[in-house]
C-alpha atoms as a PDB file:
ATOM      1  CA  UNK A   1       0.060  -0.122   0.071  1.00  0.00           C
ATOM      2  CA  UNK A   2       2.586   2.557   0.868  1.00  0.00           C
ATOM      3  CA  UNK A   3       4.686   1.698  -2.231  1.00  0.00           C
ATOM      4  CA  UNK A   4       1.766   2.378  -4.103  1.00  0.00           C
ATOM      5  CA  UNK A   5       0.957   5.821  -2.304  1.00  0.00           C
ATOM      6  CA  UNK A   6       4.622   6.933  -3.016  1.00  0.00           C
ATOM      7  CA  UNK A   7       4.221   6.025  -6.820  1.00  0.00           C
ATOM      8  CA  UNK A   8       0.901   7.943  -7.092  1.00  0.00           C
ATOM      9  CA  UNK A   9       2.565  10.989  -5.197  1.00  0.00           C
ATOM     10  CA  UNK A  10       5.616  10.881  -7.655  1.00  0.00           C
ATOM     11  CA  UNK A  11       3.069  11.010 -10.722  1.00  0.00           C
ATOM     12  CA  UNK A  12       0.938  13.642  -9.235  1.00  0.00           C
ATOM     13  CA  UNK A  13       4.301  15.709  -8.504  1.00  0.00           C
ATOM     14  CA  UNK A  14       5.316  15.122 -11.929  1.00  0.00           C
ATOM     15  CA  UNK A  15       2.069  16.129 -13.202  1.00  0.00           C
ATOM     16  CA  UNK A  16       1.808  19.224 -11.344  1.00  0.00           C
ATOM     17  CA  UNK A  17       5.250  20.576 -12.657  1.00  0.00           C
ATOM     18  CA  UNK A  18       4.112  19.797 -16.191  1.00  0.00           C
ATOM     19  CA  UNK A  19       1.483  22.351 -15.670  1.00  0.00           C
ATOM     20  CA  UNK A  20       3.811  24.902 -13.969  1.00  0.00           C
ATOM     21  CA  UNK A  21       6.682  24.703 -16.074  1.00  0.00           C
ATOM     22  CA  UNK A  22       5.106  23.639 -19.681  1.00  0.00           C
ATOM     23  CA  UNK A  23       7.848  25.852 -21.744  1.00  0.00           C
ATOM     24  CA  UNK A  24      10.702  23.595 -19.959  1.00  0.00           C
ATOM     25  CA  UNK A  25       8.981  20.550 -20.615  1.00  0.00           C
ATOM     26  CA  UNK A  26       8.396  21.451 -24.056  1.00  0.00           C
ATOM     27  CA  UNK A  27      11.968  22.440 -24.743  1.00  0.00           C
ATOM     28  CA  UNK A  28      13.075  19.105 -23.098  1.00  0.00           C
ATOM     29  CA  UNK A  29      11.146  17.004 -25.483  1.00  0.00           C
ATOM     30  CA  UNK A  30      12.779  18.859 -28.260  1.00  0.00           C
ATOM     31  CA  UNK A  31      16.094  18.486 -27.081  1.00  0.00           C
ATOM     32  CA  UNK A  32      15.297  14.561 -26.424  1.00  0.00           C
ATOM     33  CA  UNK A  33      13.757  14.178 -30.051  1.00  0.00           C
ATOM     34  CA  UNK A  34      17.076  16.240 -31.231  1.00  0.00           C
ATOM     35  CA  UNK A  35      19.173  13.619 -29.234  1.00  0.00           C
ATOM     36  CA  UNK A  36      17.471  10.608 -30.799  1.00  0.00           C
ATOM     37  CA  UNK A  37      17.534  12.052 -34.359  1.00  0.00           C
ATOM     38  CA  UNK A  38      21.532  12.891 -34.176  1.00  0.00           C
ATOM     39  CA  UNK A  39      22.952  10.078 -31.945  1.00  0.00           C
ATOM     40  CA  UNK A  40      20.457   7.378 -30.771  1.00  0.00           C
ATOM     41  CA  UNK A  41      18.728   6.216 -33.951  1.00  0.00           C
ATOM     42  CA  UNK A  42      21.817   6.396 -36.250  1.00  0.00           C
ATOM     43  CA  UNK A  43      23.936   4.547 -33.731  1.00  0.00           C
ATOM     44  CA  UNK A  44      21.809   2.041 -32.247  1.00  0.00           C
ATOM     45  CA  UNK A  45      19.381   1.313 -35.261  1.00  0.00           C
ATOM     46  CA  UNK A  46      21.898  -0.041 -37.593  1.00  0.00           C
ATOM     47  CA  UNK A  47      23.749  -1.806 -34.791  1.00  0.00           C
ATOM     48  CA  UNK A  48      20.574  -3.610 -33.439  1.00  0.00           C
ATOM     49  CA  UNK A  49      19.893  -4.865 -36.999  1.00  0.00           C
ATOM     50  CA  UNK A  50      23.326  -6.210 -37.500  1.00  0.00           C
ATOM     51  CA  UNK A  51      23.664  -8.013 -34.231  1.00  0.00           C
ATOM     52  CA  UNK A  52      20.237  -9.453 -34.444  1.00  0.00           C
ATOM     53  CA  UNK A  53      20.820 -10.570 -37.976  1.00  0.00           C
ATOM     54  CA  UNK A  54      24.103 -12.443 -37.037  1.00  0.00           C
ATOM     55  CA  UNK A  55      22.304 -14.213 -34.474  1.00  0.00           C
ATOM     56  CA  UNK A  56      19.705 -15.541 -36.477  1.00  0.00           C
ATOM     57  CA  UNK A  57      22.086 -16.798 -38.899  1.00  0.00           C
ATOM     58  CA  UNK A  58      24.084 -18.854 -36.355  1.00  0.00           C
ATOM     59  CA  UNK A  59      26.786 -16.501 -35.039  1.00  0.00           C
ATOM     60  CA  UNK A  60      26.281 -17.644 -31.652  1.00  0.00           C
ATOM     61  CA  UNK A  61      27.201 -21.267 -32.568  1.00  0.00           C
ATOM     62  CA  UNK A  62      30.586 -19.994 -33.837  1.00  0.00           C
ATOM     63  CA  UNK A  63      31.384 -17.900 -30.462  1.00  0.00           C
ATOM     64  CA  UNK A  64      30.812 -21.094 -28.345  1.00  0.00           C
ATOM     65  CA  UNK A  65      34.137 -22.655 -29.435  1.00  0.00           C
ATOM     66  CA  UNK A  66      35.924 -19.210 -30.036  1.00  0.00           C
ATOM     67  CA  UNK A  67      35.100 -17.448 -26.660  1.00  0.00           C
ATOM     68  CA  UNK A  68      34.663 -20.500 -24.578  1.00  0.00           C
ATOM     69  CA  UNK A  69      38.236 -20.468 -23.074  1.00  0.00           C
ATOM     70  CA  UNK A  70      38.052 -17.342 -21.474  1.00  0.00           C
ATOM     71  CA  UNK A  71      34.556 -17.227 -20.596  1.00  0.00           C
ATOM     72  CA  UNK A  72      34.485 -20.135 -18.537  1.00  0.00           C
ATOM     73  CA  UNK A  73      37.544 -19.352 -16.280  1.00  0.00           C
ATOM     74  CA  UNK A  74      36.594 -15.788 -15.983  1.00  0.00           C
ATOM     75  CA  UNK A  75      32.736 -16.127 -15.563  1.00  0.00           C
ATOM     76  CA  UNK A  76      31.715 -19.553 -15.431  1.00  0.00           C
ATOM     77  CA  UNK A  77      29.645 -19.065 -18.399  1.00  0.00           C
ATOM     78  CA  UNK A  78      29.654 -20.586 -21.786  1.00  0.00           C
ATOM     79  CA  UNK A  79      31.436 -19.008 -24.902  1.00  0.00           C
ATOM     80  CA  UNK A  80      28.258 -17.891 -26.534  1.00  0.00           C
ATOM     81  CA  UNK A  81      27.530 -15.345 -23.507  1.00  0.00           C
ATOM     82  CA  UNK A  82      30.601 -13.276 -24.866  1.00  0.00           C
ATOM     83  CA  UNK A  83      28.317 -11.545 -27.398  1.00  0.00           C
ATOM     84  CA  UNK A  84      26.186  -9.706 -24.890  1.00  0.00           C
ATOM     85  CA  UNK A  85      29.052  -8.466 -23.085  1.00  0.00           C
ATOM     86  CA  UNK A  86      31.114  -7.498 -26.556  1.00  0.00           C
ATOM     87  CA  UNK A  87      27.568  -5.517 -27.936  1.00  0.00           C
ATOM     88  CA  UNK A  88      27.321  -3.766 -24.512  1.00  0.00           C
ATOM     89  CA  UNK A  89      31.064  -2.502 -24.518  1.00  0.00           C
ATOM     90  CA  UNK A  90      30.982  -1.601 -28.183  1.00  0.00           C
ATOM     91  CA  UNK A  91      27.339  -0.485 -28.894  1.00  0.00           C
ATOM     92  CA  UNK A  92      26.616   0.801 -25.881  1.00  0.00           C
ATOM     93  CA  UNK A  93      23.232   1.171 -23.777  1.00  0.00           C
ATOM     94  CA  UNK A  94      21.106  -0.859 -23.873  1.00  0.00           C
ATOM     95  CA  UNK A  95      22.379  -3.128 -26.870  1.00  0.00           C
ATOM     96  CA  UNK A  96      24.038  -5.657 -24.270  1.00  0.00           C
ATOM     97  CA  UNK A  97      21.004  -6.104 -22.487  1.00  0.00           C
ATOM     98  CA  UNK A  98      18.890  -6.645 -25.843  1.00  0.00           C
ATOM     99  CA  UNK A  99      21.492  -9.415 -26.910  1.00  0.00           C
ATOM    100  CA  UNK A 100      21.063 -10.996 -23.962  1.00  0.00           C
ATOM    101  CA  UNK A 101      17.420 -11.201 -24.015  1.00  0.00           C
ATOM    102  CA  UNK A 102      17.266 -12.134 -27.831  1.00  0.00           C
ATOM    103  CA  UNK A 103      19.760 -14.974 -26.836  1.00  0.00           C
ATOM    104  CA  UNK A 104      17.523 -16.537 -24.235  1.00  0.00           C
ATOM    105  CA  UNK A 105      14.428 -15.992 -26.420  1.00  0.00           C
ATOM    106  CA  UNK A 106      16.239 -17.759 -29.033  1.00  0.00           C
ATOM    107  CA  UNK A 107      16.791 -20.955 -26.948  1.00  0.00           C
ATOM    108  CA  UNK A 108      20.686 -20.229 -27.036  1.00  0.00           C
ATOM    109  CA  UNK A 109      21.363 -19.437 -23.274  1.00  0.00           C
ATOM    110  CA  UNK A 110      19.491 -20.354 -20.028  1.00  0.00           C
ATOM    111  CA  UNK A 111      17.253 -17.799 -18.084  1.00  0.00           C
ATOM    112  CA  UNK A 112      20.046 -18.110 -15.441  1.00  0.00           C
ATOM    113  CA  UNK A 113      22.716 -17.058 -17.820  1.00  0.00           C
ATOM    114  CA  UNK A 114      20.698 -14.155 -19.292  1.00  0.00           C
ATOM    115  CA  UNK A 115      19.637 -12.648 -16.001  1.00  0.00           C
ATOM    116  CA  UNK A 116      23.376 -12.716 -14.874  1.00  0.00           C
ATOM    117  CA  UNK A 117      24.819 -11.070 -18.043  1.00  0.00           C
ATOM    118  CA  UNK A 118      22.349  -8.278 -17.419  1.00  0.00           C
ATOM    119  CA  UNK A 119      24.305  -7.401 -14.307  1.00  0.00           C
ATOM    120  CA  UNK A 120      27.517  -6.634 -16.245  1.00  0.00           C
ATOM    121  CA  UNK A 121      26.916  -6.685 -19.615  1.00  0.00           C
ATOM    122  CA  UNK A 122      24.879  -3.627 -20.245  1.00  0.00           C
ATOM    123  CA  UNK A 123      27.610  -0.793 -20.900  1.00  0.00           C
ATOM    124  CA  UNK A 124      28.314   2.561 -22.146  1.00  0.00           C
ATOM    125  CA  UNK A 125      30.011   2.454 -25.837  1.00  0.00           C
ATOM    126  CA  UNK A 126      33.310   3.931 -26.521  1.00  0.00           C
ATOM    127  CA  UNK A 127      31.935   6.578 -28.779  1.00  0.00           C
ATOM    128  CA  UNK A 128      29.922   8.337 -26.141  1.00  0.00           C
ATOM    129  CA  UNK A 129      32.913   8.411 -23.742  1.00  0.00           C
ATOM    130  CA  UNK A 130      35.452   9.501 -25.928  1.00  0.00           C
ATOM    131  CA  UNK A 131      33.586  12.028 -28.070  1.00  0.00           C
ATOM    132  CA  UNK A 132      31.028  13.408 -25.787  1.00  0.00           C
ATOM    133  CA  UNK A 133      32.123  12.911 -22.456  1.00  0.00           C
ATOM    134  CA  UNK A 134      35.871  13.156 -23.125  1.00  0.00           C
ATOM    135  CA  UNK A 135      36.112  15.953 -25.717  1.00  0.00           C
ATOM    136  CA  UNK A 136      33.160  17.584 -24.993  1.00  0.00           C
ATOM    137  CA  UNK A 137      32.651  17.564 -21.262  1.00  0.00           C
ATOM    138  CA  UNK A 138      35.989  17.100 -19.835  1.00  0.00           C
ATOM    139  CA  UNK A 139      37.908  18.872 -22.766  1.00  0.00           C
ATOM    140  CA  UNK A 140      40.160  15.764 -23.372  1.00  0.00           C
ATOM    141  CA  UNK A 141      39.913  12.594 -25.317  1.00  0.00           C
ATOM    142  CA  UNK A 142      42.401  11.033 -23.501  1.00  0.00           C
ATOM    143  CA  UNK A 143      40.271  11.446 -20.538  1.00  0.00           C
ATOM    144  CA  UNK A 144      37.537   9.755 -22.422  1.00  0.00           C
ATOM    145  CA  UNK A 145      39.955   6.921 -23.110  1.00  0.00           C
ATOM    146  CA  UNK A 146      40.724   6.582 -19.385  1.00  0.00           C
ATOM    147  CA  UNK A 147      37.055   6.747 -18.752  1.00  0.00           C
ATOM    148  CA  UNK A 148      36.450   3.976 -21.271  1.00  0.00           C
ATOM    149  CA  UNK A 149      39.290   1.801 -19.691  1.00  0.00           C
ATOM    150  CA  UNK A 150      37.653   1.998 -16.388  1.00  0.00           C
ATOM    151  CA  UNK A 151      34.049   1.299 -17.462  1.00  0.00           C
ATOM    152  CA  UNK A 152      35.301  -1.992 -19.262  1.00  0.00           C
ATOM    153  CA  UNK A 153      37.611  -2.768 -16.048  1.00  0.00           C
ATOM    154  CA  UNK A 154      34.854  -2.328 -13.581  1.00  0.00           C
ATOM    155  CA  UNK A 155      32.435  -4.249 -15.951  1.00  0.00           C
ATOM    156  CA  UNK A 156      34.666  -7.392 -15.921  1.00  0.00           C
ATOM    157  CA  UNK A 157      35.215  -7.203 -12.278  1.00  0.00           C
ATOM    158  CA  UNK A 158      31.664  -6.918 -11.408  1.00  0.00           C
ATOM    159  CA  UNK A 159      30.931  -9.886 -13.905  1.00  0.00           C
ATOM    160  CA  UNK A 160      33.444 -12.113 -12.406  1.00  0.00           C
ATOM    161  CA  UNK A 161      32.316 -11.127  -8.626  1.00  0.00           C
ATOM    162  CA  UNK A 162      28.564 -11.613  -9.390  1.00  0.00           C
ATOM    163  CA  UNK A 163      28.937 -14.896 -11.230  1.00  0.00           C
ATOM    164  CA  UNK A 164      31.145 -16.371  -8.558  1.00  0.00           C
ATOM    165  CA  UNK A 165      28.462 -14.934  -5.662  1.00  0.00           C
ATOM    166  CA  UNK A 166      25.504 -16.644  -6.996  1.00  0.00           C
ATOM    167  CA  UNK A 167      24.698 -20.158  -5.641  1.00  0.00           C
ATOM    168  CA  UNK A 168      24.265 -23.342  -7.747  1.00  0.00           C
ATOM    169  CA  UNK A 169      26.772 -22.632 -10.568  1.00  0.00           C
ATOM    170  CA  UNK A 170      28.818 -25.500 -11.477  1.00  0.00           C
ATOM    171  CA  UNK A 171      30.968 -26.876 -14.425  1.00  0.00           C
ATOM    172  CA  UNK A 172      27.919 -28.464 -15.703  1.00  0.00           C
ATOM    173  CA  UNK A 173      26.593 -25.302 -17.060  1.00  0.00           C
ATOM    174  CA  UNK A 174      29.622 -24.866 -19.172  1.00  0.00           C
ATOM    175  CA  UNK A 175      28.542 -27.887 -21.234  1.00  0.00           C
ATOM    176  CA  UNK A 176      25.259 -27.248 -21.549  1.00  0.00           C
ATOM    177  CA  UNK A 177      23.875 -27.487 -25.151  1.00  0.00           C
ATOM    178  CA  UNK A 178      20.556 -25.779 -26.184  1.00  0.00           C
ATOM    179  CA  UNK A 179      18.908 -26.567 -29.554  1.00  0.00           C
ATOM    180  CA  UNK A 180      18.507 -23.653 -31.873  1.00  0.00           C
ATOM    181  CA  UNK A 181      18.079 -23.245 -35.778  1.00  0.00           C
ATOM    182  CA  UNK A 182      19.509 -20.680 -37.980  1.00  0.00           C
ATOM    183  CA  UNK A 183      16.998 -18.774 -39.797  1.00  0.00           C
ATOM    184  CA  UNK A 184      17.421 -18.135 -43.793  1.00  0.00           C
ATOM    185  CA  UNK A 185      18.729 -14.725 -44.987  1.00  0.00           C
ATOM    186  CA  UNK A 186      15.329 -13.184 -45.995  1.00  0.00           C
ATOM    187  CA  UNK A 187      13.638 -14.217 -42.861  1.00  0.00           C
ATOM    188  CA  UNK A 188      16.504 -13.258 -40.776  1.00  0.00           C
ATOM    189  CA  UNK A 189      16.631  -9.742 -42.544  1.00  0.00           C
ATOM    190  CA  UNK A 190      12.964  -9.040 -42.087  1.00  0.00           C
ATOM    191  CA  UNK A 191      12.661 -10.195 -38.354  1.00  0.00           C
ATOM    192  CA  UNK A 192      15.863  -8.132 -37.434  1.00  0.00           C
ATOM    193  CA  UNK A 193      14.677  -4.947 -39.051  1.00  0.00           C
ATOM    194  CA  UNK A 194      11.377  -5.090 -37.588  1.00  0.00           C
ATOM    195  CA  UNK A 195      12.653  -5.934 -34.189  1.00  0.00           C
ATOM    196  CA  UNK A 196      15.071  -3.318 -34.559  1.00  0.00           C
ATOM    197  CA  UNK A 197      12.625  -0.431 -35.102  1.00  0.00           C
ATOM    198  CA  UNK A 198      10.491  -1.553 -32.093  1.00  0.00           C
ATOM    199  CA  UNK A 199      13.649  -1.411 -29.870  1.00  0.00           C
ATOM    200  CA  UNK A 200      14.806   1.787 -31.280  1.00  0.00           C
ATOM    201  CA  UNK A 201      11.325   3.454 -30.673  1.00  0.00           C
ATOM    202  CA  UNK A 202      11.110   2.193 -27.093  1.00  0.00           C
ATOM    203  CA  UNK A 203      14.672   3.562 -26.352  1.00  0.00           C
ATOM    204  CA  UNK A 204      13.691   7.072 -27.762  1.00  0.00           C
ATOM    205  CA  UNK A 205      10.525   7.229 -25.801  1.00  0.00           C
ATOM    206  CA  UNK A 206      12.441   6.591 -22.376  1.00  0.00           C
ATOM    207  CA  UNK A 207      15.568   9.378 -23.649  1.00  0.00           C
ATOM    208  CA  UNK A 208      12.726  11.983 -24.346  1.00  0.00           C
ATOM    209  CA  UNK A 209      10.461  11.034 -21.036  1.00  0.00           C
ATOM    210  CA  UNK A 210      13.833  11.374 -18.714  1.00  0.00           C
ATOM    211  CA  UNK A 211      15.097  14.475 -20.552  1.00  0.00           C
ATOM    212  CA  UNK A 212      11.599  15.946 -19.496  1.00  0.00           C
ATOM    213  CA  UNK A 213      11.986  14.728 -15.899  1.00  0.00           C
ATOM    214  CA  UNK A 214      15.674  16.096 -15.880  1.00  0.00           C
ATOM    215  CA  UNK A 215      14.303  19.579 -16.860  1.00  0.00           C
ATOM    216  CA  UNK A 216      11.852  19.743 -14.117  1.00  0.00           C
ATOM    217  CA  UNK A 217      14.190  18.621 -11.473  1.00  0.00           C
ATOM    218  CA  UNK A 218      14.715  21.001  -8.877  1.00  0.00           C
ATOM    219  CA  UNK A 219      16.842  23.925  -9.674  1.00  0.00           C
ATOM    220  CA  UNK A 220      20.738  23.384  -7.963  1.00  0.00           C
ATOM    221  CA  UNK A 221      20.213  19.710  -8.359  1.00  0.00           C
ATOM    222  CA  UNK A 222      23.901  18.410  -8.356  1.00  0.00           C
ATOM    223  CA  UNK A 223      25.435  16.707 -11.502  1.00  0.00           C
ATOM    224  CA  UNK A 224      25.372  13.507  -9.637  1.00  0.00           C
ATOM    225  CA  UNK A 225      21.683  13.523  -8.792  1.00  0.00           C
ATOM    226  CA  UNK A 226      20.890  14.492 -12.557  1.00  0.00           C
ATOM    227  CA  UNK A 227      23.130  11.821 -13.422  1.00  0.00           C
ATOM    228  CA  UNK A 228      21.284   9.362 -11.486  1.00  0.00           C
ATOM    229  CA  UNK A 229      17.986  10.134 -13.168  1.00  0.00           C
ATOM    230  CA  UNK A 230      19.198  10.701 -16.737  1.00  0.00           C
ATOM    231  CA  UNK A 231      22.822  10.225 -17.416  1.00  0.00           C
ATOM    232  CA  UNK A 232      23.655  12.678 -20.605  1.00  0.00           C
ATOM    233  CA  UNK A 233      21.912  15.756 -18.364  1.00  0.00           C
ATOM    234  CA  UNK A 234      24.203  14.594 -15.723  1.00  0.00           C
ATOM    235  CA  UNK A 235      27.353  14.200 -17.763  1.00  0.00           C
ATOM    236  CA  UNK A 236      26.567  17.959 -19.413  1.00  0.00           C
ATOM    237  CA  UNK A 237      26.486  19.487 -16.151  1.00  0.00           C
ATOM    238  CA  UNK A 238      30.170  18.384 -14.855  1.00  0.00           C
ATOM    239  CA  UNK A 239      32.952  20.467 -14.768  1.00  0.00           C
ATOM    240  CA  UNK A 240      36.504  19.576 -15.826  1.00  0.00           C
ATOM    241  CA  UNK A 241      39.225  18.316 -13.470  1.00  0.00           C
ATOM    242  CA  UNK A 242      39.373  15.254 -10.859  1.00  0.00           C
ATOM    243  CA  UNK A 243      35.944  15.869  -9.470  1.00  0.00           C
ATOM    244  CA  UNK A 244      34.244  15.729 -12.583  1.00  0.00           C
ATOM    245  CA  UNK A 245      36.442  12.879 -14.098  1.00  0.00           C
ATOM    246  CA  UNK A 246      35.357  10.628 -10.739  1.00  0.00           C
ATOM    247  CA  UNK A 247      31.755  11.520 -11.083  1.00  0.00           C
ATOM    248  CA  UNK A 248      31.486  10.839 -14.714  1.00  0.00           C
ATOM    249  CA  UNK A 249      32.884   7.273 -14.149  1.00  0.00           C
ATOM    250  CA  UNK A 250      30.438   6.802 -11.549  1.00  0.00           C
ATOM    251  CA  UNK A 251      27.364   8.069 -13.506  1.00  0.00           C
ATOM    252  CA  UNK A 252      28.395   6.318 -16.560  1.00  0.00           C
ATOM    253  CA  UNK A 253      28.990   3.095 -14.645  1.00  0.00           C
ATOM    254  CA  UNK A 254      25.423   3.529 -13.139  1.00  0.00           C
ATOM    255  CA  UNK A 255      23.706   4.581 -16.334  1.00  0.00           C
ATOM    256  CA  UNK A 256      21.011   6.406 -14.791  1.00  0.00           C
ATOM    257  CA  UNK A 257      17.202   5.289 -14.436  1.00  0.00           C
ATOM    258  CA  UNK A 258      16.665   6.206 -18.056  1.00  0.00           C
ATOM    259  CA  UNK A 259      19.198   3.757 -19.229  1.00  0.00           C
ATOM    260  CA  UNK A 260      17.603   1.033 -16.799  1.00  0.00           C
ATOM    261  CA  UNK A 261      14.255   1.639 -18.201  1.00  0.00           C
ATOM    262  CA  UNK A 262      15.703   0.954 -21.646  1.00  0.00           C
ATOM    263  CA  UNK A 263      17.173  -2.254 -20.667  1.00  0.00           C
ATOM    264  CA  UNK A 264      13.865  -2.989 -18.600  1.00  0.00           C
ATOM    265  CA  UNK A 265      11.990  -2.604 -22.190  1.00  0.00           C
ATOM    266  CA  UNK A 266      14.925  -4.444 -24.319  1.00  0.00           C
ATOM    267  CA  UNK A 267      15.097  -7.372 -21.806  1.00  0.00           C
ATOM    268  CA  UNK A 268      11.152  -7.744 -21.063  1.00  0.00           C
ATOM    269  CA  UNK A 269      10.489 -10.946 -19.266  1.00  0.00           C
ATOM    270  CA  UNK A 270      13.828 -11.456 -17.424  1.00  0.00           C
ATOM    271  CA  UNK A 271      14.359 -10.725 -13.547  1.00  0.00           C
ATOM    272  CA  UNK A 272      16.446  -7.797 -13.095  1.00  0.00           C
ATOM    273  CA  UNK A 273      17.801  -8.271  -9.448  1.00  0.00           C
ATOM    274  CA  UNK A 274      21.074  -8.974 -10.707  1.00  0.00           C
ATOM    275  CA  UNK A 275      21.045  -5.820 -13.228  1.00  0.00           C
ATOM    276  CA  UNK A 276      20.275  -3.389 -10.325  1.00  0.00           C
ATOM    277  CA  UNK A 277      23.066  -4.975  -7.916  1.00  0.00           C
ATOM    278  CA  UNK A 278      25.391  -4.955 -10.500  1.00  0.00           C
ATOM    279  CA  UNK A 279      25.011  -1.484 -11.865  1.00  0.00           C
ATOM    280  CA  UNK A 280      25.096  -0.327  -8.301  1.00  0.00           C
ATOM    281  CA  UNK A 281      28.579  -1.880  -7.877  1.00  0.00           C
ATOM    282  CA  UNK A 282      29.934  -1.015 -11.213  1.00  0.00           C
ATOM    283  CA  UNK A 283      29.183   2.666 -10.335  1.00  0.00           C
ATOM    284  CA  UNK A 284      30.846   2.593  -6.875  1.00  0.00           C
ATOM    285  CA  UNK A 285      33.923   0.546  -8.618  1.00  0.00           C
ATOM    286  CA  UNK A 286      34.140   2.793 -11.625  1.00  0.00           C
ATOM    287  CA  UNK A 287      34.496   5.723  -9.186  1.00  0.00           C
ATOM    288  CA  UNK A 288      37.079   3.946  -7.075  1.00  0.00           C
ATOM    289  CA  UNK A 289      39.093   3.159 -10.231  1.00  0.00           C
ATOM    290  CA  UNK A 290      38.809   6.661 -11.571  1.00  0.00           C
ATOM    291  CA  UNK A 291      40.081   8.081  -8.646  1.00  0.00           C
ATOM    292  CA  UNK A 292      43.230   5.797  -8.867  1.00  0.00           C
ATOM    293  CA  UNK A 293      43.643   6.439 -12.422  1.00  0.00           C
ATOM    294  CA  UNK A 294      43.447  10.240 -12.539  1.00  0.00           C
ATOM    295  CA  UNK A 295      47.500  10.857 -11.496  1.00  0.00           C
ATOM    296  CA  UNK A 296      48.059   9.387 -14.873  1.00  0.00           C
ATOM    297  CA  UNK A 297      46.268  12.202 -16.678  1.00  0.00           C
END
């Protein structure tokens, strides 16, 4: 009952702010749509199509043997589980979560594997960290490169810890074989394009929604507070320097509620208990690693 009352109060508060500040909300919608048109759609839509197409054509079967030698010792996962981790680190939010869900729905990984992967495979891509955060906000592409290194290390360490903390995980899972048939090229292309459109539209909706919520946030809210809500807005409020570098690492490691909602939409039907724990740990670990490497900048 208390949870319902809190949710209702939050919605009423947001509705009241919309009535009191319609100009700010409208401007945030325009900014959000512009961000989607300039960045989200051009980067994610073709990436989603290509990854989905490769999955439907049988790429997962190839990765099983190639990536097994390091996925097993590092994470106690099968080689096919490397694909969500790679797509998350290269394609950015929420491509890792979507790939994990796609593998599960295609019968190539188990539910447990998919839910564990959500704890450390949903990550930020290098283009955002090197271009926007490094060069644009912190004034140094080198700072962006260091942030990406911190982000990758935090994701890997979180994944290794998470996979070892979960009970009931043994070597038997490493040899698991799940039946799955590769689709023909026309079928795969049609399904991949249709799925990519739906996923991209869902992501754009959350980008615009949380841009509005961030714009309606109380004046003077610190960058970390904004970043916990919407990552891009929080990053934009940072200043160059040690504090900004560490805060950027923490915000990107956590991802923000907007990113979490995007992942929830992309991986609907899976439990997110490990996702929340993993992203919280990754945010804290990223801040600690960033504080340690800042001296090298």
